[in-house]
Amino acid sequence: MDRFTTFNLIFFPALAGALALAAWGGWKRGWLLSLAGLLGGVLLFWGGLLAALGAYFTAWQQIPDPPEEAFSDGASLLFVLLVGWLPGLVLSGAAFAVARLIRARRNAAGRA
């Protein structure tokens, strides 16, 4: 299996789960479950990105005659570890906000 397929098989299910969890949190009433859903979405995205990137480099290093770049110093993994939560926060926050907006509009339409 090539490295891109390995990355995609791990990252995209984590992305879908993160978006679904954040949207679920945005749909919930109150703030405790809502924030738990948002935080869970961010952590799921972040963990999925870390796992996918680790699998990507592992698959790249196992090909016959891998290039030197395959054995990097781990700076990309360290970068994802430190700031990988930021794109997760943006994407999960967007799913959370859209779910909140839809829920608010449905409630407003129900009252009118």
Protein backbone atom coordinates (compact mmCIF):
# COMPACT_ATOMS: atom_id res chain seq x y z
CA MET A 1 0.00 0.00 0.00
CA ASP A 2 1.44 3.39 -0.90
CA ARG A 3 1.98 6.13 1.64
CA PHE A 4 -0.84 8.38 0.39
CA THR A 5 -3.41 5.61 0.70
CA THR A 6 -2.14 4.87 4.20
CA PHE A 7 -2.51 8.52 5.16
CA ASN A 8 -5.98 8.79 3.64
CA LEU A 9 -7.28 5.62 5.31
CA ILE A 10 -6.46 7.08 8.72
CA PHE A 11 -6.99 10.81 8.27
CA PHE A 12 -10.33 11.04 6.45
CA PRO A 13 -12.30 8.82 8.86
CA ALA A 14 -10.86 10.87 11.74
CA LEU A 15 -11.85 14.08 9.94
CA ALA A 16 -15.40 12.83 9.36
CA GLY A 17 -15.68 11.73 12.98
CA ALA A 18 -14.34 15.06 14.24
CA LEU A 19 -16.81 17.02 12.14
CA ALA A 20 -19.71 14.78 13.20
CA LEU A 21 -18.76 15.02 16.87
CA ALA A 22 -18.45 18.81 16.73
CA ALA A 23 -21.75 19.13 14.87
CA TRP A 24 -23.40 16.88 17.47
CA GLY A 25 -22.00 19.15 20.17
CA GLY A 26 -23.34 22.20 18.37
CA TRP A 27 -26.78 20.64 18.17
CA LYS A 28 -26.95 19.84 21.90
CA ARG A 29 -28.71 22.16 24.30
CA GLY A 30 -26.66 23.78 27.06
CA TRP A 31 -22.92 24.18 27.16
CA LEU A 32 -21.43 21.19 28.93
CA LEU A 33 -22.18 18.58 26.26
CA SER A 34 -21.71 21.19 23.54
CA LEU A 35 -18.19 22.05 24.60
CA ALA A 36 -17.41 18.37 25.18
CA GLY A 37 -18.43 17.67 21.57
CA LEU A 38 -16.32 20.54 20.28
CA LEU A 39 -13.31 19.51 22.35
CA GLY A 40 -13.76 15.88 21.31
CA GLY A 41 -13.85 16.94 17.66
CA VAL A 42 -10.63 18.92 18.01
CA LEU A 43 -8.87 16.06 19.79
CA LEU A 44 -10.09 13.49 17.28
CA PHE A 45 -8.86 15.61 14.37
CA TRP A 46 -5.52 16.20 16.07
CA GLY A 47 -5.01 12.55 16.95
CA GLY A 48 -6.05 11.42 13.48
CA LEU A 49 -3.61 13.84 11.88
CA LEU A 50 -0.77 12.64 14.11
CA ALA A 51 -1.55 8.97 13.48
CA ALA A 52 -1.92 9.49 9.72
CA LEU A 53 1.34 11.39 9.47
CA GLY A 54 3.17 8.72 11.48
CA ALA A 55 1.75 5.99 9.22
CA TYR A 56 2.67 8.04 6.15
CA PHE A 57 6.34 8.26 7.16
CA THR A 58 6.43 4.61 8.19
CA ALA A 59 5.03 3.52 4.82
CA TRP A 60 7.47 5.84 3.03
CA GLN A 61 10.45 4.41 4.91
CA GLN A 62 9.46 0.84 4.03
CA ILE A 63 9.57 1.26 0.26
CA PRO A 64 12.58 -0.18 -1.54
CA ASP A 65 15.44 2.33 -1.61
CA PRO A 66 13.66 5.20 0.19
CA PRO A 67 14.99 8.74 -0.29
CA GLU A 68 16.76 10.60 2.51
CA GLU A 69 13.69 12.80 3.08
CA ALA A 70 11.83 9.72 4.35
CA PHE A 71 14.14 9.69 7.37
CA SER A 72 13.66 13.33 8.34
CA ASP A 73 14.43 14.66 11.77
CA GLY A 74 10.78 14.52 12.77
CA ALA A 75 10.21 18.25 12.50
CA SER A 76 6.89 17.75 10.70
CA LEU A 77 5.68 15.40 13.44
CA LEU A 78 6.76 17.86 16.11
CA PHE A 79 5.03 20.71 14.26
CA VAL A 80 1.79 18.70 14.06
CA LEU A 81 2.11 17.80 17.73
CA LEU A 82 2.46 21.45 18.74
CA VAL A 83 0.02 23.21 16.39
CA GLY A 84 -2.05 20.40 14.87
CA TRP A 85 -4.94 21.35 17.13
CA LEU A 86 -5.35 24.68 15.32
CA PRO A 87 -6.82 23.35 12.03
CA GLY A 88 -8.88 20.94 14.13
CA LEU A 89 -10.26 23.88 16.09
CA VAL A 90 -11.08 25.80 12.90
CA LEU A 91 -12.83 22.87 11.18
CA SER A 92 -14.58 21.57 14.27
CA GLY A 93 -15.53 25.11 15.25
CA ALA A 94 -17.07 25.65 11.83
CA ALA A 95 -19.12 22.44 12.11
CA PHE A 96 -20.13 23.46 15.64
CA ALA A 97 -21.18 26.95 14.51
CA VAL A 98 -23.18 25.66 11.54
CA ALA A 99 -25.04 23.19 13.76
CA ARG A 100 -25.76 25.96 16.30
CA LEU A 101 -27.02 28.24 13.54
CA ILE A 102 -29.31 25.59 12.05
CA ARG A 103 -30.64 24.72 15.50
CA ALA A 104 -31.31 28.39 16.32
CA ARG A 105 -33.12 28.94 13.01
CA ARG A 106 -35.27 25.81 13.51
CA ASN A 107 -36.19 26.95 17.00
CA ALA A 108 -37.01 30.45 15.79
CA ALA A 109 -39.16 29.07 12.95
CA GLY A 110 -40.96 26.80 15.40
CA ARG A 111 -41.86 29.73 17.64
CA ALA A 112 -43.08 31.97 14.82
